[in-house]
Structure formats: structure tokens, C-alpha cells
Amino acid sequence: MEIRMVSCMYLGVLLSTLAMVASQTVVQYLPGYPGILPFKLETGYIGVGEDEVVQLFYYFVESEGNPAQDPLVIWLNGGPGCSTLRSFFYEIGPLLFEYGKYVDDVPLLKLDPNSWTKVANIIYLDSPTMTGFSYTTIPDIVTNDTLSASNTAEFLRKFVRDHPKFLNNPMYVTGISYSGIVVPIITEEIYKGLISYELYEATKSNCHDEYVQANPNDLLCMKNIEEVNRRVMDINLQHILVPDCEEEVSDIIKAGNPIRPTKRELIGYEPIRMLKAKTSRNMTFCPDYYYSYAGIWANNKKVMKALNIREGTIKEWSLRNTNMTYRYNEAVAGYEFNVNDSVVYHAKLTKRDCRALIFSGDHDMVVPYIGTHYWIRSLNLTNTDSNWETWYVKDQVGGYKTSYARDNYSLLFATVKGAGHTTPEYKHEECFTMVKRWFAHRPI
């Protein structure tokens, strides 16, 4: 699986007019973990889209290293429709399940020594809507790649607005499996800020770098300035991070609006039955057996209360919403696949001041690393090393790497030896070591 990580050093101007109050809860205790959590966990919802009808749920873990300086990372899962709780427990998060052990009918939790949160502030986002605990107030909503990317970019702007201490941290947009489609689109959306790159260039050219005393008879310039003003009209120009309160929000949508139930199949449903019952059948060979722990945990009422989940917003939490899962160009009920190729977005990013890390498990046949390397080469970047050098973890080969660059853009492509589609799930320590070095701007 290719995992795409793109760095944005600056997050643009933030929207401030809200239709629903964003919720944040600092979680100190989690069912299944004995005692107070030794890391800072925050959960909450942030509304996006028109009238904020889409409510995206997130888990945010502050870095256990140096939160003020460590990067801010947003992590998206694949599918689409796979909850990031999978990554939280099985891939890059601070907690693991103690398989076979329970506390008050809840799977026992333990700390993960290879959690990426030791070197980064990480947002685990349930995106797109109807993934995990995220929901919408519109029944039968259908989203798509570009809308999902736009919603995530809006989420990030609002998250940083609500957490301004991270405004100057390096930021990385990351994702696994299908989210590799939307990661570069999200990054490009962030670079745009409130006005597009094309509008910026057109205004600069047509107004000849004069905006305050622009020629009123220059119709093209006036049209561009009018459009720029329209894009920023809801921003408090005195302080872009402070809400614009000239017009009070009159109708606040109350938390917990019910939605029409949809079929949200729980991966590993039958293994859950087997876990709860004392069966002689050995299911430990099956990944669904282990994924079912997440289903038991997340659907527990005590867990939902601890996470401050809005009652009635979803019928049942599932690791993957099968109404959105990518089926190789087949139409599905809950998602429209409207981006066939995201390489064009990567090509745009090569003109930015940007770092990118892309890594793939060399045992993945869903998105083979050979195909990933093929499209990377199509960007026509300059190879900056001897090509396919080994990288190591504890004196053992972790995989192979090659680097590319153009002007202020750099891209590192690495394989992870022995890893499958969800790379960190298979090679926990190797992936953690790799990103720890990369976040620190060291050779992997």
C-alpha cells in the first residue's frame, strides 16, 4: 500500500462563521485501560460544508515528545469509509488490544511503544461523512473524492482555529490505501487558502500589483478584486483567528440530530459472536477476529460516553462503511468516485515548497509498489541519490528508498520490507522508525 504524506508549513486563513458549535472533550479515562491515560486525548466533532450538515468526528492525541515543536499530522484511513480507529489501535496509535483479555466486558488495552504520537501531534479523522462516528443531518447523502477532500481541508482550517498553538507547527497530510487519492487534493486545497492559485495570479497580473488604488476603469482587475473580496468577506480582518461576531448566529443546530439508519456492516461481526461465546473454533488466524475487538470496544455504551459521542447520530459503529468501499469503478450507494487519477494534483505540488513521503509495503498486491514508483517517475523529477538504497532498523534492512527533487519540492519513496497493504499494521516498528527520522528531517 502506498501511504502519502505531504507537508504544509502554513495553514491558510480560517473560516469563522459557524452553524453548529464545535465540541471538544479531553478524555482522561477509557474503558479497558487501567487508570488515567498517560497521554492527552481529545475527541470531538467539527462541522463542515454548507450549514455544517456534515459533522466529522476526530481523535486527537498530543505528541508525547514536544507538542510545541513536533509536527501536526492528520491521518486518514482508506476504503473509503474505514474508521481511523483501526489505525488508532492496529497501526500507528498509542494503544493496542490485549487479545483474549477483558475488563468489565470491554477488551483490555495496553500502551504501544511504537506509537507515532511519541514524535507527532496526530489527528485521527473519521472521513468522509458516515465513516466511524462521523455523521450528517441529511439522509442518503452521497459524497465523492473532491467533496471529501474539500471537507477535510475545511476541517483542518477549523481545527487550527480552535487549536491556535499549533498554527506554526509543520503540518503533514497523511493517509493510507484509498485515501492516497484525496491526500494531494486536500494539500492543494490547503495551499489555496480562501482564494485559488489561479485567482491570485489573475488578480496580480490584471491589477499590476496595485490593489488599494486600482484603476476603476480596468474591468478585469475590478472583477478579480470583487471575487477576492467575496471569498474573504466572512473573515475578521482584524485577527483572522478570532470569530467575526458582527452577526450573531441565530439558529444553532442541537447536538444529536438523528439520521435515517443505513446499513453499516460491521467487519468481523461473526467473530464478535465467537469472541463473546466460548467457542472451540480457532479464529486467531483471521484478521477479522482481531478487528472485531474494535467493534466490541467502540459500540460499548461506556466507551461512547467516554468519547462524548452524540446519542442517536449513528445506529452502529463499524470499522468500514461498506456503502462507500471502493469496488474498482463499480458504483456504490454512498460515494461517487469522481477522481480517476490524482497524479495531476501531485504534479501541482511539485511547484510548491513542499516535502512528501510515500511508502509502500513490498508485499501489497492491492496497490503494488511498482505501480506507485511508476507514477512517481512520471512526475519527471530529478533523482537525487543512487536509486534504491537500503534503509535500516536495528541493523536489519527495513526496505529500500529513492529520493527526488525539483526546486523547493522533495519526494522520498520507500518500500517497507515484508509489509502488506496497511503497511504500519504489518511492520509496526519499522514504520515508526521511518517516520520518526523523516519528521526530524533525518535520512530514514
Protein backbone atom coordinates (compact mmCIF):
# COMPACT_ATOMS: atom_id res chain seq x y z
CA MET A 1 0.00 0.00 0.00
CA GLU A 2 1.25 3.43 -0.77
CA ILE A 3 0.94 5.88 2.09
CA ARG A 4 1.14 9.51 1.14
CA MET A 5 2.40 12.18 3.49
CA VAL A 6 2.54 15.77 2.33
CA SER A 7 3.94 18.65 4.33
CA CYS A 8 2.32 22.06 4.53
CA MET A 9 4.26 24.59 6.56
CA TYR A 10 1.42 27.11 6.69
CA LEU A 11 -2.30 26.65 7.03
CA GLY A 12 -4.28 29.44 5.39
CA VAL A 13 -6.93 31.88 6.50
CA LEU A 14 -9.64 30.27 8.55
CA LEU A 15 -13.41 30.40 8.22
CA SER A 16 -15.19 31.64 11.30
CA THR A 17 -18.97 31.69 10.81
CA LEU A 18 -20.45 28.61 12.48
CA ALA A 19 -23.85 26.97 12.30
CA MET A 20 -23.07 24.39 14.98
CA VAL A 21 -20.83 24.79 17.98
CA ALA A 22 -17.81 22.51 17.64
CA SER A 23 -17.47 20.09 20.53
CA GLN A 24 -14.24 19.11 22.24
CA THR A 25 -13.75 16.69 25.12
CA VAL A 26 -10.49 15.90 26.89
CA VAL A 27 -10.65 12.18 27.64
CA GLN A 28 -8.72 11.06 30.73
CA TYR A 29 -10.16 7.57 31.11
CA LEU A 30 -11.02 4.94 28.52
CA PRO A 31 -12.86 1.70 29.26
CA GLY A 32 -10.36 -1.12 29.00
CA TYR A 33 -7.34 0.91 30.09
CA PRO A 34 -6.41 0.75 33.80
CA GLY A 35 -6.05 4.23 35.26
CA ILE A 36 -5.56 7.70 33.79
CA LEU A 37 -4.34 7.83 30.20
CA PRO A 38 -0.63 8.79 30.15
CA PHE A 39 -1.16 10.94 27.05
CA LYS A 40 -3.53 13.79 26.18
CA LEU A 41 -6.52 12.55 24.17
CA GLU A 42 -9.19 14.87 22.82
CA THR A 43 -12.27 13.83 20.87
CA GLY A 44 -14.87 15.96 19.19
CA TYR A 45 -16.90 16.97 16.17
CA ILE A 46 -16.24 19.77 13.69
CA GLY A 47 -18.97 20.77 11.25
CA VAL A 48 -18.10 21.30 7.59
CA GLY A 49 -19.92 22.01 4.36
CA GLU A 50 -22.94 24.20 3.76
CA ASP A 51 -24.74 24.84 7.06
CA GLU A 52 -22.29 22.33 8.59
CA VAL A 53 -24.61 19.43 7.85
CA VAL A 54 -21.54 17.16 7.87
CA GLN A 55 -20.15 16.53 11.36
CA LEU A 56 -16.67 14.98 11.25
CA PHE A 57 -15.52 13.11 14.35
CA TYR A 58 -11.88 13.06 15.35
CA TYR A 59 -9.49 11.63 17.92
CA PHE A 60 -6.58 13.97 18.66
CA VAL A 61 -3.51 12.87 20.60
CA GLU A 62 -0.93 15.48 21.56
CA SER A 63 2.66 14.48 20.99
CA GLU A 64 4.26 12.65 23.89
CA GLY A 65 7.52 14.32 22.89
CA ASN A 66 7.46 18.08 22.33
CA PRO A 67 3.93 19.18 21.32
CA ALA A 68 5.02 22.77 20.72
CA GLN A 69 7.57 21.79 18.08
CA ASP A 70 6.58 18.35 16.83
CA PRO A 71 4.59 18.24 13.58
CA LEU A 72 0.80 18.29 13.39
CA VAL A 73 -0.32 15.22 11.45
CA ILE A 74 -3.78 14.40 10.15
CA TRP A 75 -4.28 10.70 9.43
CA LEU A 76 -6.99 9.36 7.11
CA ASN A 77 -7.92 5.74 6.60
CA GLY A 78 -8.84 4.06 3.33
CA GLY A 79 -11.91 2.35 1.98
CA PRO A 80 -13.30 4.91 1.57
CA GLY A 81 -15.37 4.50 4.71
CA CYS A 82 -12.81 2.90 7.05
CA SER A 83 -12.70 4.42 10.52
CA THR A 84 -9.36 5.76 11.78
CA LEU A 85 -9.99 3.82 14.97
CA ARG A 86 -8.41 1.00 13.00
CA SER A 87 -5.19 3.00 12.70
CA PHE A 88 -5.53 4.16 16.32
CA PHE A 89 -5.47 0.57 17.62
CA TYR A 90 -3.82 -1.53 14.92
CA GLU A 91 -1.31 0.67 13.10
CA ILE A 92 0.08 3.96 14.45
CA GLY A 93 -1.86 4.85 17.61
CA PRO A 94 -0.94 4.93 21.31
CA LEU A 95 -2.99 1.88 22.36
CA LEU A 96 -3.20 -1.80 21.49
CA PHE A 97 -5.65 -4.52 22.44
CA GLU A 98 -4.58 -7.31 24.81
CA TYR A 99 -6.20 -10.08 22.79
CA GLY A 100 -8.25 -12.50 24.85
CA LYS A 101 -8.37 -10.26 27.93
CA TYR A 102 -11.36 -8.21 29.12
CA VAL A 103 -12.24 -5.75 31.87
CA ASP A 104 -15.99 -5.46 32.56
CA ASP A 105 -16.81 -6.94 29.12
CA VAL A 106 -14.52 -4.43 27.39
CA PRO A 107 -11.29 -5.55 25.67
CA LEU A 108 -8.20 -4.75 27.77
CA LEU A 109 -5.92 -2.02 26.40
CA LYS A 110 -2.17 -1.54 26.67
CA LEU A 111 0.31 1.11 25.53
CA ASP A 112 2.05 0.85 22.16
CA PRO A 113 5.80 1.58 22.42
CA ASN A 114 5.93 2.34 18.67
CA SER A 115 3.11 4.87 18.56
CA TRP A 116 3.66 7.72 16.13
CA THR A 117 2.27 10.03 18.82
CA LYS A 118 5.67 9.86 20.50
CA VAL A 119 7.02 12.16 17.79
CA ALA A 120 3.94 13.94 16.41
CA ASN A 121 0.60 15.55 17.29
CA ILE A 122 -1.86 13.33 15.43
CA ILE A 123 -5.47 13.91 14.36
CA TYR A 124 -7.21 10.64 13.54
CA LEU A 125 -10.15 11.79 11.40
CA ASP A 126 -13.22 9.74 10.50
CA SER A 127 -13.68 10.92 6.92
CA PRO A 128 -15.68 11.08 4.69
CA THR A 129 -19.02 11.55 6.41
CA MET A 130 -20.77 8.34 7.56
CA THR A 131 -17.36 6.87 8.42
CA GLY A 132 -16.88 5.70 12.00
CA PHE A 133 -18.61 8.19 14.31
CA SER A 134 -18.89 10.95 11.68
CA TYR A 135 -22.42 11.66 10.51
CA THR A 136 -24.65 14.01 8.55
CA THR A 137 -28.06 15.52 9.14
CA ILE A 138 -29.01 14.83 5.50
CA PRO A 139 -30.37 11.31 4.88
CA ASP A 140 -28.93 9.31 1.98
CA ILE A 141 -26.09 11.75 1.37
CA VAL A 142 -23.65 10.80 -1.39
CA THR A 143 -20.14 12.21 -1.21
CA ASN A 144 -17.19 11.96 -3.60
CA ASP A 145 -13.42 12.35 -3.76
CA THR A 146 -13.27 16.11 -4.31
CA LEU A 147 -16.03 16.86 -1.79
CA SER A 148 -14.33 14.64 0.78
CA ALA A 149 -11.05 16.48 0.20
CA SER A 150 -12.74 19.87 0.45
CA ASN A 151 -14.48 18.87 3.69
CA THR A 152 -11.21 17.64 5.17
CA ALA A 153 -9.38 20.84 4.22
CA GLU A 154 -12.17 22.85 5.87
CA PHE A 155 -11.90 20.61 8.93
CA LEU A 156 -8.18 21.35 9.18
CA ARG A 157 -8.69 25.10 8.97
CA LYS A 158 -11.28 24.98 11.72
CA PHE A 159 -9.21 22.61 13.84
CA VAL A 160 -6.25 25.00 13.80
CA ARG A 161 -8.61 27.89 14.50
CA ASP A 162 -9.72 26.04 17.64
CA HIS A 163 -6.12 24.99 18.47
CA PRO A 164 -4.08 28.10 17.52
CA LYS A 165 -0.99 26.91 19.41
CA PHE A 166 -0.33 24.51 16.52
CA LEU A 167 -0.54 27.20 13.83
CA ASN A 168 3.24 27.40 13.39
CA ASN A 169 3.96 23.68 13.64
CA PRO A 170 4.95 21.81 10.48
CA MET A 171 1.85 20.04 9.20
CA TYR A 172 1.56 16.76 7.32
CA VAL A 173 -1.49 15.43 5.50
CA THR A 174 -1.25 11.64 5.60
CA GLY A 175 -3.34 8.71 4.53
CA ILE A 176 -3.39 5.03 3.81
CA SER A 177 -4.84 2.90 0.99
CA TYR A 178 -7.68 4.67 -0.89
CA SER A 179 -7.02 7.96 0.94
CA GLY A 180 -3.94 8.27 -1.26
CA ILE A 181 -6.40 9.60 -3.84
CA VAL A 182 -7.55 12.52 -1.68
CA VAL A 183 -4.32 13.41 0.21
CA PRO A 184 -2.79 15.51 -2.61
CA ILE A 185 -6.18 17.12 -3.31
CA ILE A 186 -6.51 18.11 0.36
CA THR A 187 -2.98 19.51 0.32
CA GLU A 188 -3.69 21.56 -2.79
CA GLU A 189 -6.90 22.87 -1.17
CA ILE A 190 -4.89 23.99 1.87
CA TYR A 191 -2.38 25.79 -0.31
CA LYS A 192 -5.23 27.63 -2.00
CA GLY A 193 -6.39 29.18 1.26
CA LEU A 194 -9.55 31.15 0.59
CA ILE A 195 -8.71 32.10 -2.96
CA SER A 196 -7.42 29.79 -5.64
CA TYR A 197 -3.94 29.99 -7.07
CA GLU A 198 -5.47 30.88 -10.43
CA LEU A 199 -7.46 33.79 -8.94
CA TYR A 200 -4.37 35.05 -7.13
CA GLU A 201 -2.29 35.03 -10.32
CA ALA A 202 -5.08 36.64 -12.38
CA THR A 203 -5.56 39.44 -9.84
CA LYS A 204 -1.83 40.03 -9.60
CA SER A 205 -1.50 40.22 -13.37
CA ASN A 206 -4.63 42.24 -14.20
CA CYS A 207 -4.17 44.74 -11.37
CA HIS A 208 -0.41 45.11 -11.91
CA ASP A 209 0.27 44.54 -8.20
CA GLU A 210 -1.89 47.54 -7.25
CA TYR A 211 -4.95 46.60 -5.21
CA VAL A 212 -5.68 49.56 -2.92
CA GLN A 213 -5.69 52.21 -5.64
CA ALA A 214 -6.53 50.00 -8.57
CA ASN A 215 -7.78 51.59 -11.78
CA PRO A 216 -11.62 51.54 -11.53
CA ASN A 217 -11.84 51.52 -15.33
CA ASP A 218 -9.92 48.26 -15.56
CA LEU A 219 -12.86 45.88 -15.66
CA LEU A 220 -10.80 42.69 -15.42
CA CYS A 221 -8.97 44.00 -12.35
CA MET A 222 -12.21 45.15 -10.71
CA LYS A 223 -13.83 41.78 -11.37
CA ASN A 224 -10.88 39.96 -9.79
CA ILE A 225 -10.85 42.20 -6.71
CA GLU A 226 -14.61 41.77 -6.28
CA GLU A 227 -14.18 37.99 -6.35
CA VAL A 228 -11.31 38.14 -3.83
CA ASN A 229 -13.43 40.28 -1.51
CA ARG A 230 -16.31 37.83 -1.80
CA ARG A 231 -14.05 34.96 -0.74
CA VAL A 232 -12.83 36.73 2.42
CA MET A 233 -15.95 38.67 3.39
CA ASP A 234 -16.74 36.44 6.41
CA ILE A 235 -13.25 36.69 7.90
CA ASN A 236 -12.40 39.01 10.79
CA LEU A 237 -9.70 41.09 9.11
CA GLN A 238 -8.51 42.46 12.44
CA HIS A 239 -7.46 38.99 13.54
CA ILE A 240 -8.07 36.07 11.23
CA LEU A 241 -8.22 33.52 14.07
CA VAL A 242 -10.87 35.42 16.03
CA PRO A 243 -14.54 34.79 15.11
CA ASP A 244 -16.34 37.51 13.18
CA CYS A 245 -19.19 38.31 15.55
CA GLU A 246 -20.87 41.20 13.73
CA GLU A 247 -23.86 38.98 13.04
CA GLU A 248 -24.70 36.54 15.80
CA VAL A 249 -25.56 33.06 14.73
CA SER A 250 -29.30 32.78 15.28
CA ASP A 251 -30.05 29.10 14.84
CA ILE A 252 -27.66 26.66 16.48
CA ILE A 253 -28.32 23.07 15.50
CA LYS A 254 -28.51 20.99 18.63
CA ALA A 255 -26.18 18.05 19.04
CA GLY A 256 -27.57 14.61 18.46
CA ASN A 257 -29.85 15.11 15.47
CA PRO A 258 -30.95 11.66 14.38
CA ILE A 259 -30.31 10.43 10.86
CA ARG A 260 -32.05 7.74 8.89
CA PRO A 261 -30.36 4.44 9.70
CA THR A 262 -28.27 2.95 6.91
CA LYS A 263 -26.75 -0.45 6.57
CA ARG A 264 -23.34 -0.14 8.22
CA GLU A 265 -21.91 -3.62 8.17
CA LEU A 266 -19.50 -4.36 10.99
CA ILE A 267 -16.38 -6.08 9.77
CA GLY A 268 -15.79 -9.18 11.85
CA TYR A 269 -19.40 -9.39 13.02
CA GLU A 270 -19.40 -13.17 13.30
CA PRO A 271 -16.02 -13.26 15.07
CA ILE A 272 -17.54 -10.92 17.65
CA ARG A 273 -20.14 -13.59 18.38
CA MET A 274 -17.33 -16.08 18.69
CA LEU A 275 -15.34 -13.85 21.00
CA LYS A 276 -18.28 -13.33 23.31
CA ALA A 277 -19.16 -17.03 23.28
CA LYS A 278 -16.73 -19.73 24.34
CA THR A 279 -16.19 -21.47 21.04
CA SER A 280 -13.72 -24.21 20.27
CA ARG A 281 -13.19 -22.86 16.77
CA ASN A 282 -9.79 -21.19 16.33
CA MET A 283 -10.32 -17.79 14.71
CA THR A 284 -6.95 -16.23 15.58
CA PHE A 285 -5.69 -16.76 12.02
CA CYS A 286 -8.35 -14.40 10.67
CA PRO A 287 -7.70 -10.61 10.67
CA ASP A 288 -11.42 -10.02 11.21
CA TYR A 289 -11.04 -11.80 14.54
CA TYR A 290 -8.72 -9.05 15.75
CA TYR A 291 -10.61 -6.22 14.04
CA SER A 292 -13.71 -7.30 15.92
CA TYR A 293 -12.14 -6.08 19.16
CA ALA A 294 -12.53 -2.55 17.84
CA GLY A 295 -16.22 -3.22 17.14
CA ILE A 296 -16.83 -4.53 20.64
CA TRP A 297 -14.96 -1.59 22.14
CA ALA A 298 -16.45 1.22 20.04
CA ASN A 299 -20.07 0.01 20.33
CA ASN A 300 -19.87 -0.25 24.11
CA LYS A 301 -22.09 2.39 25.74
CA LYS A 302 -19.44 3.22 28.33
CA VAL A 303 -16.93 3.85 25.57
CA MET A 304 -19.34 6.09 23.66
CA LYS A 305 -19.98 8.07 26.83
CA ALA A 306 -16.26 8.43 27.49
CA LEU A 307 -15.69 9.65 23.93
CA ASN A 308 -18.67 12.03 24.20
CA ILE A 309 -20.41 10.54 21.15
CA ARG A 310 -23.67 12.31 20.29
CA GLU A 311 -26.57 10.00 21.04
CA GLY A 312 -28.63 8.87 18.07
CA THR A 313 -26.22 10.09 15.40
CA ILE A 314 -25.32 6.58 14.21
CA LYS A 315 -27.07 3.26 14.64
CA GLU A 316 -23.92 1.19 14.96
CA TRP A 317 -20.22 1.97 14.69
CA SER A 318 -18.38 -0.08 12.09
CA LEU A 319 -14.76 -0.38 11.11
CA ARG A 320 -15.78 0.10 7.49
CA ASN A 321 -18.93 1.52 5.93
CA THR A 322 -19.46 -0.90 3.05
CA ASN A 323 -21.78 1.57 1.32
CA MET A 324 -18.67 3.58 0.40
CA THR A 325 -15.99 0.96 -0.17
CA TYR A 326 -14.12 1.29 -3.46
CA ARG A 327 -15.07 -1.52 -5.84
CA TYR A 328 -12.88 -0.79 -8.84
CA ASN A 329 -15.11 1.58 -10.81
CA GLU A 330 -18.36 -0.06 -9.73
CA ALA A 331 -21.00 2.38 -8.49
CA VAL A 332 -21.78 2.27 -4.77
CA ALA A 333 -24.67 3.78 -2.83
CA GLY A 334 -22.88 6.23 -0.56
CA TYR A 335 -19.93 7.57 -2.53
CA GLU A 336 -19.16 8.87 -6.00
CA PHE A 337 -15.64 8.17 -7.28
CA ASN A 338 -15.05 11.29 -9.35
CA VAL A 339 -11.24 11.36 -9.37
CA ASN A 340 -9.72 8.63 -11.51
CA ASP A 341 -6.14 9.84 -11.22
CA SER A 342 -4.62 12.05 -8.50
CA VAL A 343 -1.19 12.31 -10.17
CA VAL A 344 -2.18 15.67 -11.66
CA TYR A 345 -2.51 17.01 -8.10
CA HIS A 346 0.92 15.66 -7.21
CA ALA A 347 2.27 17.42 -10.31
CA LYS A 348 0.88 20.71 -8.98
CA LEU A 349 2.52 20.12 -5.61
CA THR A 350 5.95 19.75 -7.26
CA LYS A 351 5.78 23.51 -7.84
CA ARG A 352 5.29 24.18 -4.13
CA ASP A 353 7.65 24.47 -1.18
CA CYS A 354 6.70 21.02 -0.02
CA ARG A 355 8.07 17.71 1.31
CA ALA A 356 6.45 14.39 0.51
CA LEU A 357 7.00 10.88 1.85
CA ILE A 358 5.36 7.96 0.07
CA PHE A 359 5.90 4.44 1.33
CA SER A 360 4.55 1.07 0.28
CA GLY A 361 4.60 -2.44 1.65
CA ASP A 362 6.51 -4.63 -0.77
CA HIS A 363 4.03 -7.46 -0.22
CA ASP A 364 0.97 -5.46 -1.20
CA MET A 365 -0.92 -6.57 -4.29
CA VAL A 366 -3.82 -4.15 -3.86
CA VAL A 367 -1.61 -1.13 -4.62
CA PRO A 368 1.75 -2.66 -5.61
CA TYR A 369 4.80 -0.50 -5.01
CA ILE A 370 5.86 -1.00 -8.65
CA GLY A 371 2.79 0.93 -9.80
CA THR A 372 3.41 3.64 -7.23
CA HIS A 373 7.00 4.02 -8.40
CA TYR A 374 5.78 4.21 -11.99
CA TRP A 375 3.57 7.26 -11.42
CA ILE A 376 6.24 8.92 -9.28
CA ARG A 377 8.67 8.65 -12.19
CA SER A 378 6.02 10.21 -14.45
CA LEU A 379 6.44 13.48 -12.50
CA ASN A 380 9.85 13.90 -14.21
CA LEU A 381 11.64 14.90 -11.02
CA THR A 382 15.41 14.76 -10.59
CA ASN A 383 16.68 11.63 -8.86
CA THR A 384 18.92 12.87 -6.02
CA ASP A 385 20.52 9.62 -4.89
CA SER A 386 21.90 6.41 -6.34
CA ASN A 387 18.38 4.93 -6.57
CA TRP A 388 17.13 2.09 -4.38
CA GLU A 389 19.40 2.39 -1.39
CA THR A 390 18.69 0.23 1.64
CA TRP A 391 17.43 1.73 4.90
CA TYR A 392 17.80 0.00 8.24
CA VAL A 393 16.09 -0.64 11.56
CA LYS A 394 18.28 -2.16 14.28
CA ASP A 395 20.92 -3.12 11.70
CA GLN A 396 18.35 -5.03 9.65
CA VAL A 397 17.12 -3.97 6.21
CA GLY A 398 13.80 -2.18 6.63
CA GLY A 399 13.29 -1.67 2.92
CA TYR A 400 14.58 0.37 0.01
CA LYS A 401 14.37 4.08 -0.73
CA THR A 402 14.92 6.59 -3.50
CA SER A 403 14.71 10.39 -3.48
CA TYR A 404 13.57 13.02 -5.96
CA ALA A 405 13.50 16.82 -6.04
CA ARG A 406 12.64 19.89 -8.08
CA ASP A 407 13.39 23.39 -6.81
CA ASN A 408 11.85 23.56 -3.31
CA TYR A 409 9.94 20.29 -3.64
CA SER A 410 11.31 16.96 -2.42
CA LEU A 411 9.86 13.45 -2.50
CA LEU A 412 11.10 10.35 -0.74
CA PHE A 413 9.74 6.99 -1.85
CA ALA A 414 10.41 3.98 0.37
CA THR A 415 9.38 0.37 0.44
CA VAL A 416 8.82 -1.46 3.72
CA LYS A 417 10.16 -5.00 3.58
CA GLY A 418 7.59 -7.63 4.42
CA ALA A 419 4.67 -5.23 4.83
CA GLY A 420 1.28 -5.64 3.21
CA HIS A 421 -1.47 -3.21 2.21
CA THR A 422 -1.93 -1.45 5.56
CA THR A 423 1.81 -1.02 5.99
CA PRO A 424 2.15 0.01 9.67
CA GLU A 425 -0.17 -2.80 10.72
CA TYR A 426 2.31 -5.35 9.40
CA LYS A 427 5.59 -3.59 10.20
CA HIS A 428 4.88 -1.52 13.27
CA GLU A 429 8.40 -0.74 14.46
CA GLU A 430 9.86 -0.21 11.00
CA CYS A 431 7.21 2.34 10.01
CA PHE A 432 7.51 4.19 13.30
CA THR A 433 11.29 4.38 12.97
CA MET A 434 10.99 5.63 9.40
CA VAL A 435 8.55 8.47 10.12
CA LYS A 436 10.39 9.44 13.31
CA ARG A 437 13.51 10.05 11.25
CA TRP A 438 11.61 11.77 8.45
CA PHE A 439 9.73 14.13 10.77
CA ALA A 440 13.12 15.11 12.22
CA HIS A 441 14.49 15.83 8.70
CA ARG A 442 16.99 13.00 9.07
CA PRO A 443 17.80 10.30 6.50
CA ILE A 444 15.49 7.35 7.09
